[in-house]
Amino acid sequence: MTERGPQAPDTNAIYVYAVCRAEAPLNLAGLMGVTRDEPVRALPIGSLTAIVQGVRSAEFTDEAWKERLTDEAELERYARAHHTVVSQVAAGTPTVPLPLATLYQGEDRARAALDNESPRFHRALSRIAHHAEWGVKVYAPKPSRDEEGSASAERPKDTVPTRPAPGAGRAYLDRKRNLQARREQRQGESLRVAEAVDADVSRIAKASRRLRPHGLGAAGDHRVQVLNATYLVADDRAGELDVLAKSLRKRTGAEIELSGPWVPYSFVGEV
């Protein structure tokens, strides 16, 4: 949807945050958006309403945006401003969030393009009404003390070489094989737990998406993630989801993180 290109520095573009139904009650008070030049406002699009803001075209050219993408702090500022507007609107009515930096060159183009997408917006709004997005992450259990001790024992040490005892080589290989077998068993058990968690949560959810598991975390977080998924859950089943998460932690012994409720970003582009 985004239109960019060479524009005169003093021309204005329309930045679109989200779309909701026209009859929806809106609370846009206090929203700053991505710029202080113009207020965040509602733009009628037939039976829909777009949440928009006028911005300077020069700040959103391809070159300007590429430069912004290399500045982590600046990009985060824009992303937070965008999300704040979407979240405030979504708190009061079903809302379809649009991607960061969705722009049109003038209201007429914005109206035409969004009106052309109105059937998709209506389907998405019907799908997510009275639902929220919840994230579920499952982590593999930490290695046992025996495994940690065996792994530590395999690390080279600064010792004076001595003649190995009879059978030491075979014992060393046996320890390596046993250690590897325990690791594979633990990984297999973790994956089975992840599948069981996903199956149980999916029974509560209206829709789900499996995401790529995150790598090892920063700041000393060495947990191995075996499930990273997001679920579209009805508002009146949120308590049921919380109870299920507690039950799954107790039943499986797994480390399970539940986060939400969020604006259902993951479930508005599939209709």
C-alpha atoms as a PDB file:
ATOM      1  CA  MET A   1       0.000   0.000   0.000  1.00  0.00           C
ATOM      2  CA  THR A   2       2.882   2.357   0.686  1.00  0.00           C
ATOM      3  CA  GLU A   3       3.581   5.006  -1.921  1.00  0.00           C
ATOM      4  CA  ARG A   4       6.977   6.638  -1.848  1.00  0.00           C
ATOM      5  CA  GLY A   5       9.176   8.417  -4.288  1.00  0.00           C
ATOM      6  CA  PRO A   6      10.610  11.879  -5.046  1.00  0.00           C
ATOM      7  CA  GLN A   7       8.237  14.544  -3.678  1.00  0.00           C
ATOM      8  CA  ALA A   8       8.641  18.230  -3.008  1.00  0.00           C
ATOM      9  CA  PRO A   9       9.802  18.811   0.574  1.00  0.00           C
ATOM     10  CA  ASP A  10       6.749  20.933   1.428  1.00  0.00           C
ATOM     11  CA  THR A  11       4.115  18.450   0.211  1.00  0.00           C
ATOM     12  CA  ASN A  12       2.143  16.372   2.690  1.00  0.00           C
ATOM     13  CA  ALA A  13       1.482  12.658   2.736  1.00  0.00           C
ATOM     14  CA  ILE A  14      -1.144  10.706   4.644  1.00  0.00           C
ATOM     15  CA  TYR A  15       0.235   8.224   7.157  1.00  0.00           C
ATOM     16  CA  VAL A  16      -2.278   5.451   7.902  1.00  0.00           C
ATOM     17  CA  TYR A  17      -2.133   3.608  11.224  1.00  0.00           C
ATOM     18  CA  ALA A  18      -5.202   1.414  11.198  1.00  0.00           C
ATOM     19  CA  VAL A  19      -8.731   0.836   9.917  1.00  0.00           C
ATOM     20  CA  CYS A  20     -11.900   0.241  11.924  1.00  0.00           C
ATOM     21  CA  ARG A  21     -15.644   0.425  11.328  1.00  0.00           C
ATOM     22  CA  ALA A  22     -17.167   3.854  10.771  1.00  0.00           C
ATOM     23  CA  GLU A  23     -19.589   3.584  13.673  1.00  0.00           C
ATOM     24  CA  ALA A  24     -16.815   2.762  16.121  1.00  0.00           C
ATOM     25  CA  PRO A  25     -16.347   5.149  19.076  1.00  0.00           C
ATOM     26  CA  LEU A  26     -12.856   6.604  18.815  1.00  0.00           C
ATOM     27  CA  ASN A  27     -10.583   8.041  21.468  1.00  0.00           C
ATOM     28  CA  LEU A  28      -7.760   9.875  19.745  1.00  0.00           C
ATOM     29  CA  ALA A  29      -7.126  12.388  22.509  1.00  0.00           C
ATOM     30  CA  GLY A  30      -3.497  12.851  23.445  1.00  0.00           C
ATOM     31  CA  LEU A  31      -2.095  10.761  20.585  1.00  0.00           C
ATOM     32  CA  MET A  32       1.075  12.271  19.141  1.00  0.00           C
ATOM     33  CA  GLY A  33       1.760   9.676  16.454  1.00  0.00           C
ATOM     34  CA  VAL A  34       4.958   9.797  14.432  1.00  0.00           C
ATOM     35  CA  THR A  35       5.035  13.601  14.096  1.00  0.00           C
ATOM     36  CA  ARG A  36       4.002  16.698  16.021  1.00  0.00           C
ATOM     37  CA  ASP A  37       3.111  18.663  12.893  1.00  0.00           C
ATOM     38  CA  GLU A  38      -0.506  17.463  12.644  1.00  0.00           C
ATOM     39  CA  PRO A  39      -2.877  15.617  14.983  1.00  0.00           C
ATOM     40  CA  VAL A  40      -3.903  11.996  14.591  1.00  0.00           C
ATOM     41  CA  ARG A  41      -7.423  12.019  13.144  1.00  0.00           C
ATOM     42  CA  ALA A  42     -10.170   9.909  11.603  1.00  0.00           C
ATOM     43  CA  LEU A  43     -10.608   9.733   7.830  1.00  0.00           C
ATOM     44  CA  PRO A  44     -14.008   8.381   6.688  1.00  0.00           C
ATOM     45  CA  ILE A  45     -13.768   5.637   4.013  1.00  0.00           C
ATOM     46  CA  GLY A  46     -17.364   4.667   3.263  1.00  0.00           C
ATOM     47  CA  SER A  47     -18.436   2.243   5.994  1.00  0.00           C
ATOM     48  CA  LEU A  48     -14.918   2.257   7.439  1.00  0.00           C
ATOM     49  CA  THR A  49     -12.730   4.771   9.216  1.00  0.00           C
ATOM     50  CA  ALA A  50      -8.998   5.101   8.713  1.00  0.00           C
ATOM     51  CA  ILE A  51      -6.823   6.458  11.527  1.00  0.00           C
ATOM     52  CA  VAL A  52      -4.405   8.830   9.830  1.00  0.00           C
ATOM     53  CA  GLN A  53      -1.982  11.693  10.299  1.00  0.00           C
ATOM     54  CA  GLY A  54      -0.527  14.225   7.907  1.00  0.00           C
ATOM     55  CA  VAL A  55       3.263  13.976   7.623  1.00  0.00           C
ATOM     56  CA  ARG A  56       5.931  15.686   5.554  1.00  0.00           C
ATOM     57  CA  SER A  57       6.658  13.691   2.425  1.00  0.00           C
ATOM     58  CA  ALA A  58      10.362  14.502   2.633  1.00  0.00           C
ATOM     59  CA  GLU A  59      10.612  12.562   5.898  1.00  0.00           C
ATOM     60  CA  PHE A  60       9.319   9.385   4.260  1.00  0.00           C
ATOM     61  CA  THR A  61      11.099   9.149   0.938  1.00  0.00           C
ATOM     62  CA  ASP A  62      12.802   5.835   0.145  1.00  0.00           C
ATOM     63  CA  GLU A  63      16.160   7.379   0.986  1.00  0.00           C
ATOM     64  CA  ALA A  64      14.957   8.824   4.285  1.00  0.00           C
ATOM     65  CA  TRP A  65      13.351   5.558   5.333  1.00  0.00           C
ATOM     66  CA  LYS A  66      16.387   3.456   4.400  1.00  0.00           C
ATOM     67  CA  GLU A  67      18.534   5.729   6.551  1.00  0.00           C
ATOM     68  CA  ARG A  68      16.040   5.408   9.406  1.00  0.00           C
ATOM     69  CA  LEU A  69      16.202   1.609   9.181  1.00  0.00           C
ATOM     70  CA  THR A  70      19.907   1.771  10.055  1.00  0.00           C
ATOM     71  CA  ASP A  71      19.245   3.833  13.197  1.00  0.00           C
ATOM     72  CA  GLU A  72      17.921   1.394  15.801  1.00  0.00           C
ATOM     73  CA  ALA A  73      16.838   4.066  18.279  1.00  0.00           C
ATOM     74  CA  GLU A  74      15.028   6.127  15.657  1.00  0.00           C
ATOM     75  CA  LEU A  75      13.312   3.072  14.190  1.00  0.00           C
ATOM     76  CA  GLU A  76      12.165   1.993  17.645  1.00  0.00           C
ATOM     77  CA  ARG A  77      10.734   5.475  18.259  1.00  0.00           C
ATOM     78  CA  TYR A  78       8.628   5.260  15.103  1.00  0.00           C
ATOM     79  CA  ALA A  79       7.530   1.706  15.851  1.00  0.00           C
ATOM     80  CA  ARG A  80       6.472   2.640  19.397  1.00  0.00           C
ATOM     81  CA  ALA A  81       4.577   5.711  18.189  1.00  0.00           C
ATOM     82  CA  HIS A  82       2.787   3.621  15.570  1.00  0.00           C
ATOM     83  CA  HIS A  83       1.908   0.894  18.060  1.00  0.00           C
ATOM     84  CA  THR A  84       0.666   3.401  20.653  1.00  0.00           C
ATOM     85  CA  VAL A  85      -1.879   4.809  18.203  1.00  0.00           C
ATOM     86  CA  VAL A  86      -3.033   1.358  17.097  1.00  0.00           C
ATOM     87  CA  SER A  87      -3.308   0.100  20.680  1.00  0.00           C
ATOM     88  CA  GLN A  88      -5.381   3.056  21.869  1.00  0.00           C
ATOM     89  CA  VAL A  89      -7.839   2.675  19.006  1.00  0.00           C
ATOM     90  CA  ALA A  90      -7.969  -1.125  19.408  1.00  0.00           C
ATOM     91  CA  ALA A  91      -8.770  -0.736  23.112  1.00  0.00           C
ATOM     92  CA  GLY A  92     -12.164   0.624  22.115  1.00  0.00           C
ATOM     93  CA  THR A  93     -13.095  -1.234  18.955  1.00  0.00           C
ATOM     94  CA  PRO A  94     -11.941  -4.052  16.620  1.00  0.00           C
ATOM     95  CA  THR A  95      -9.066  -2.584  14.629  1.00  0.00           C
ATOM     96  CA  VAL A  96      -6.980  -3.713  11.664  1.00  0.00           C
ATOM     97  CA  PRO A  97      -3.440  -2.372  12.151  1.00  0.00           C
ATOM     98  CA  LEU A  98      -1.539  -1.411   9.017  1.00  0.00           C
ATOM     99  CA  PRO A  99       2.206  -1.933   8.607  1.00  0.00           C
ATOM    100  CA  LEU A 100       4.672   0.643   9.831  1.00  0.00           C
ATOM    101  CA  ALA A 101       5.072   3.584   7.403  1.00  0.00           C
ATOM    102  CA  THR A 102       1.986   2.991   5.247  1.00  0.00           C
ATOM    103  CA  LEU A 103       1.656   6.254   3.305  1.00  0.00           C
ATOM    104  CA  TYR A 104      -0.328   7.791   0.462  1.00  0.00           C
ATOM    105  CA  GLN A 105       0.246  11.009  -1.418  1.00  0.00           C
ATOM    106  CA  GLY A 106      -2.857  12.908  -0.369  1.00  0.00           C
ATOM    107  CA  GLU A 107      -6.302  12.084   0.995  1.00  0.00           C
ATOM    108  CA  ASP A 108      -7.821  11.220  -2.381  1.00  0.00           C
ATOM    109  CA  ARG A 109      -5.266   8.479  -3.020  1.00  0.00           C
ATOM    110  CA  ALA A 110      -5.625   7.207   0.531  1.00  0.00           C
ATOM    111  CA  ARG A 111      -9.410   7.041   0.245  1.00  0.00           C
ATOM    112  CA  ALA A 112      -9.280   5.273  -3.124  1.00  0.00           C
ATOM    113  CA  ALA A 113      -6.680   2.706  -2.100  1.00  0.00           C
ATOM    114  CA  LEU A 114      -8.267   1.885   1.267  1.00  0.00           C
ATOM    115  CA  ASP A 115     -11.777   1.741  -0.175  1.00  0.00           C
ATOM    116  CA  ASN A 116     -10.509  -0.759  -2.748  1.00  0.00           C
ATOM    117  CA  GLU A 117      -9.352  -2.946   0.167  1.00  0.00           C
ATOM    118  CA  SER A 118     -12.604  -2.564   2.126  1.00  0.00           C
ATOM    119  CA  PRO A 119     -13.836  -6.179   1.580  1.00  0.00           C
ATOM    120  CA  ARG A 120     -10.614  -7.503   3.122  1.00  0.00           C
ATOM    121  CA  PHE A 121     -10.840  -5.048   6.010  1.00  0.00           C
ATOM    122  CA  HIS A 122     -14.427  -6.082   6.764  1.00  0.00           C
ATOM    123  CA  ARG A 123     -13.470  -9.782   6.764  1.00  0.00           C
ATOM    124  CA  ALA A 124     -10.548  -9.105   9.082  1.00  0.00           C
ATOM    125  CA  LEU A 125     -12.664  -7.008  11.437  1.00  0.00           C
ATOM    126  CA  SER A 126     -15.292  -9.725  11.646  1.00  0.00           C
ATOM    127  CA  ARG A 127     -12.616 -12.299  12.360  1.00  0.00           C
ATOM    128  CA  ILE A 128     -10.848 -10.450  15.191  1.00  0.00           C
ATOM    129  CA  ALA A 129     -13.894  -8.862  16.861  1.00  0.00           C
ATOM    130  CA  HIS A 130     -13.806  -9.624  20.611  1.00  0.00           C
ATOM    131  CA  HIS A 131     -10.520 -11.496  20.202  1.00  0.00           C
ATOM    132  CA  ALA A 132      -6.925 -10.740  21.154  1.00  0.00           C
ATOM    133  CA  GLU A 133      -3.529 -12.152  20.283  1.00  0.00           C
ATOM    134  CA  TRP A 134      -1.606 -14.164  22.867  1.00  0.00           C
ATOM    135  CA  GLY A 135       1.958 -15.410  22.649  1.00  0.00           C
ATOM    136  CA  VAL A 136       3.144 -18.760  24.001  1.00  0.00           C
ATOM    137  CA  LYS A 137       6.810 -19.708  24.307  1.00  0.00           C
ATOM    138  CA  VAL A 138       8.134 -23.052  25.542  1.00  0.00           C
ATOM    139  CA  TYR A 139      11.753 -23.629  26.572  1.00  0.00           C
ATOM    140  CA  ALA A 140      13.666 -26.871  26.826  1.00  0.00           C
ATOM    141  CA  PRO A 141      14.502 -27.922  30.386  1.00  0.00           C
ATOM    142  CA  LYS A 142      18.008 -27.134  31.575  1.00  0.00           C
ATOM    143  CA  PRO A 143      20.590 -29.937  31.446  1.00  0.00           C
ATOM    144  CA  SER A 144      20.748 -32.109  34.530  1.00  0.00           C
ATOM    145  CA  ARG A 145      23.665 -31.805  36.910  1.00  0.00           C
ATOM    146  CA  ASP A 146      24.986 -35.116  35.607  1.00  0.00           C
ATOM    147  CA  GLU A 147      25.017 -33.761  32.050  1.00  0.00           C
ATOM    148  CA  GLU A 148      26.640 -30.487  33.105  1.00  0.00           C
ATOM    149  CA  GLY A 149      29.234 -32.416  35.080  1.00  0.00           C
ATOM    150  CA  SER A 150      29.958 -34.735  32.152  1.00  0.00           C
ATOM    151  CA  ALA A 151      30.254 -31.819  29.759  1.00  0.00           C
ATOM    152  CA  SER A 152      32.612 -30.031  32.136  1.00  0.00           C
ATOM    153  CA  ALA A 153      34.701 -33.159  32.452  1.00  0.00           C
ATOM    154  CA  GLU A 154      35.153 -33.286  28.684  1.00  0.00           C
ATOM    155  CA  ARG A 155      36.730 -29.812  28.535  1.00  0.00           C
ATOM    156  CA  PRO A 156      40.538 -29.809  28.154  1.00  0.00           C
ATOM    157  CA  LYS A 157      42.485 -29.041  31.315  1.00  0.00           C
ATOM    158  CA  ASP A 158      45.993 -27.706  31.762  1.00  0.00           C
ATOM    159  CA  THR A 159      47.494 -30.796  33.375  1.00  0.00           C
ATOM    160  CA  VAL A 160      50.710 -32.678  32.970  1.00  0.00           C
ATOM    161  CA  PRO A 161      50.220 -35.516  30.473  1.00  0.00           C
ATOM    162  CA  THR A 162      50.218 -38.983  32.051  1.00  0.00           C
ATOM    163  CA  ARG A 163      49.885 -42.450  30.652  1.00  0.00           C
ATOM    164  CA  PRO A 164      46.147 -43.301  30.343  1.00  0.00           C
ATOM    165  CA  ALA A 165      44.851 -46.095  32.535  1.00  0.00           C
ATOM    166  CA  PRO A 166      43.903 -49.375  30.813  1.00  0.00           C
ATOM    167  CA  GLY A 167      40.452 -49.067  29.253  1.00  0.00           C
ATOM    168  CA  ALA A 168      40.380 -45.277  29.645  1.00  0.00           C
ATOM    169  CA  GLY A 169      39.758 -44.747  25.930  1.00  0.00           C
ATOM    170  CA  ARG A 170      36.742 -47.052  25.877  1.00  0.00           C
ATOM    171  CA  ALA A 171      35.364 -45.430  29.056  1.00  0.00           C
ATOM    172  CA  TYR A 172      35.792 -41.990  27.503  1.00  0.00           C
ATOM    173  CA  LEU A 173      33.884 -43.011  24.364  1.00  0.00           C
ATOM    174  CA  ASP A 174      31.139 -44.599  26.456  1.00  0.00           C
ATOM    175  CA  ARG A 175      30.727 -41.380  28.434  1.00  0.00           C
ATOM    176  CA  LYS A 176      30.548 -39.364  25.213  1.00  0.00           C
ATOM    177  CA  ARG A 177      27.907 -41.681  23.737  1.00  0.00           C
ATOM    178  CA  ASN A 178      25.841 -41.657  26.923  1.00  0.00           C
ATOM    179  CA  LEU A 179      26.019 -37.896  27.163  1.00  0.00           C
ATOM    180  CA  GLN A 180      24.924 -37.500  23.546  1.00  0.00           C
ATOM    181  CA  ALA A 181      22.086 -39.989  24.034  1.00  0.00           C
ATOM    182  CA  ARG A 182      20.815 -38.075  27.071  1.00  0.00           C
ATOM    183  CA  ARG A 183      20.947 -34.798  25.140  1.00  0.00           C
ATOM    184  CA  GLU A 184      19.005 -36.286  22.240  1.00  0.00           C
ATOM    185  CA  GLN A 185      16.450 -37.785  24.613  1.00  0.00           C
ATOM    186  CA  ARG A 186      15.980 -34.463  26.389  1.00  0.00           C
ATOM    187  CA  GLN A 187      15.596 -32.627  23.071  1.00  0.00           C
ATOM    188  CA  GLY A 188      13.066 -35.173  21.848  1.00  0.00           C
ATOM    189  CA  GLU A 189      11.061 -34.854  25.059  1.00  0.00           C
ATOM    190  CA  SER A 190      11.127 -31.055  24.765  1.00  0.00           C
ATOM    191  CA  LEU A 191       9.777 -31.173  21.217  1.00  0.00           C
ATOM    192  CA  ARG A 192       6.997 -33.550  22.271  1.00  0.00           C
ATOM    193  CA  VAL A 193       6.046 -31.169  25.080  1.00  0.00           C
ATOM    194  CA  ALA A 194       6.025 -28.267  22.611  1.00  0.00           C
ATOM    195  CA  GLU A 195       3.654 -30.143  20.304  1.00  0.00           C
ATOM    196  CA  ALA A 196       1.386 -31.050  23.226  1.00  0.00           C
ATOM    197  CA  VAL A 197       1.272 -27.421  24.423  1.00  0.00           C
ATOM    198  CA  ASP A 198       0.465 -26.178  20.919  1.00  0.00           C
ATOM    199  CA  ALA A 199      -2.303 -28.757  20.508  1.00  0.00           C
ATOM    200  CA  ASP A 200      -3.936 -27.885  23.842  1.00  0.00           C
ATOM    201  CA  VAL A 201      -3.771 -24.112  23.329  1.00  0.00           C
ATOM    202  CA  SER A 202      -5.051 -24.479  19.751  1.00  0.00           C
ATOM    203  CA  ARG A 203      -8.235 -26.069  21.106  1.00  0.00           C
ATOM    204  CA  ILE A 204      -8.991 -22.807  22.880  1.00  0.00           C
ATOM    205  CA  ALA A 205      -7.849 -20.506  20.084  1.00  0.00           C
ATOM    206  CA  LYS A 206      -9.733 -19.468  16.964  1.00  0.00           C
ATOM    207  CA  ALA A 207      -6.509 -19.442  14.936  1.00  0.00           C
ATOM    208  CA  SER A 208      -2.786 -19.930  15.516  1.00  0.00           C
ATOM    209  CA  ARG A 209       0.585 -19.285  13.907  1.00  0.00           C
ATOM    210  CA  ARG A 210       3.887 -21.041  14.547  1.00  0.00           C
ATOM    211  CA  LEU A 211       6.825 -18.641  14.450  1.00  0.00           C
ATOM    212  CA  ARG A 212      10.532 -19.313  14.141  1.00  0.00           C
ATOM    213  CA  PRO A 213      11.967 -20.091  17.601  1.00  0.00           C
ATOM    214  CA  HIS A 214      14.332 -17.433  18.889  1.00  0.00           C
ATOM    215  CA  GLY A 215      18.016 -18.142  19.231  1.00  0.00           C
ATOM    216  CA  LEU A 216      19.882 -18.019  22.525  1.00  0.00           C
ATOM    217  CA  GLY A 217      18.944 -14.878  24.417  1.00  0.00           C
ATOM    218  CA  ALA A 218      21.182 -12.032  25.439  1.00  0.00           C
ATOM    219  CA  ALA A 219      22.303 -11.044  28.921  1.00  0.00           C
ATOM    220  CA  GLY A 220      23.207 -14.579  29.960  1.00  0.00           C
ATOM    221  CA  ASP A 221      19.906 -16.154  28.894  1.00  0.00           C
ATOM    222  CA  HIS A 222      20.966 -19.559  27.565  1.00  0.00           C
ATOM    223  CA  ARG A 223      17.495 -21.093  27.353  1.00  0.00           C
ATOM    224  CA  VAL A 224      16.648 -23.108  24.238  1.00  0.00           C
ATOM    225  CA  GLN A 225      13.253 -22.211  22.810  1.00  0.00           C
ATOM    226  CA  VAL A 226      11.309 -25.134  21.339  1.00  0.00           C
ATOM    227  CA  LEU A 227       7.984 -23.382  20.669  1.00  0.00           C
ATOM    228  CA  ASN A 228       7.277 -19.807  19.635  1.00  0.00           C
ATOM    229  CA  ALA A 229       3.635 -19.436  18.658  1.00  0.00           C
ATOM    230  CA  THR A 230       0.844 -16.884  18.686  1.00  0.00           C
ATOM    231  CA  TYR A 231      -2.873 -17.527  19.092  1.00  0.00           C
ATOM    232  CA  LEU A 232      -6.103 -15.640  18.394  1.00  0.00           C
ATOM    233  CA  VAL A 233      -8.216 -16.131  21.508  1.00  0.00           C
ATOM    234  CA  ALA A 234     -11.720 -14.876  22.306  1.00  0.00           C
ATOM    235  CA  ASP A 235     -11.812 -12.318  25.109  1.00  0.00           C
ATOM    236  CA  ASP A 236     -14.156 -14.482  27.169  1.00  0.00           C
ATOM    237  CA  ARG A 237     -11.674 -17.394  27.046  1.00  0.00           C
ATOM    238  CA  ALA A 238      -8.617 -15.461  28.247  1.00  0.00           C
ATOM    239  CA  GLY A 239      -9.099 -16.753  31.800  1.00  0.00           C
ATOM    240  CA  GLU A 240      -9.343 -20.282  30.458  1.00  0.00           C
ATOM    241  CA  LEU A 241      -6.051 -19.794  28.641  1.00  0.00           C
ATOM    242  CA  ASP A 242      -4.336 -18.648  31.840  1.00  0.00           C
ATOM    243  CA  VAL A 243      -5.625 -21.698  33.730  1.00  0.00           C
ATOM    244  CA  LEU A 244      -4.448 -23.973  30.906  1.00  0.00           C
ATOM    245  CA  ALA A 245      -0.959 -22.469  30.930  1.00  0.00           C
ATOM    246  CA  LYS A 246      -0.651 -23.112  34.679  1.00  0.00           C
ATOM    247  CA  SER A 247      -1.903 -26.666  34.209  1.00  0.00           C
ATOM    248  CA  LEU A 248       0.550 -27.331  31.382  1.00  0.00           C
ATOM    249  CA  ARG A 249       3.471 -26.051  33.450  1.00  0.00           C
ATOM    250  CA  LYS A 250       2.536 -28.392  36.281  1.00  0.00           C
ATOM    251  CA  ARG A 251       1.809 -31.369  34.015  1.00  0.00           C
ATOM    252  CA  THR A 252       4.857 -31.123  31.765  1.00  0.00           C
ATOM    253  CA  GLY A 253       7.373 -29.442  34.052  1.00  0.00           C
ATOM    254  CA  ALA A 254       8.264 -27.215  31.103  1.00  0.00           C
ATOM    255  CA  GLU A 255       9.057 -23.517  31.267  1.00  0.00           C
ATOM    256  CA  ILE A 256       6.104 -21.880  29.495  1.00  0.00           C
ATOM    257  CA  GLU A 257       5.764 -18.124  28.964  1.00  0.00           C
ATOM    258  CA  LEU A 258       2.334 -16.635  28.243  1.00  0.00           C
ATOM    259  CA  SER A 259       2.119 -13.029  27.019  1.00  0.00           C
ATOM    260  CA  GLY A 260      -0.793 -10.810  25.995  1.00  0.00           C
ATOM    261  CA  PRO A 261      -3.383  -9.702  25.298  1.00  0.00           C
ATOM    262  CA  TRP A 262      -2.062  -7.921  22.199  1.00  0.00           C
ATOM    263  CA  VAL A 263      -3.593  -6.248  19.195  1.00  0.00           C
ATOM    264  CA  PRO A 264      -3.994  -9.178  16.731  1.00  0.00           C
ATOM    265  CA  TYR A 265      -1.345  -8.062  14.230  1.00  0.00           C
ATOM    266  CA  SER A 266      -0.643 -11.662  13.234  1.00  0.00           C
ATOM    267  CA  PHE A 267      -4.220 -12.452  12.194  1.00  0.00           C
ATOM    268  CA  VAL A 268      -5.393  -9.564  10.015  1.00  0.00           C
ATOM    269  CA  GLY A 269      -3.451 -10.319   6.855  1.00  0.00           C
ATOM    270  CA  GLU A 270      -4.752 -13.843   6.249  1.00  0.00           C
ATOM    271  CA  VAL A 271      -8.267 -12.987   5.058  1.00  0.00           C
END
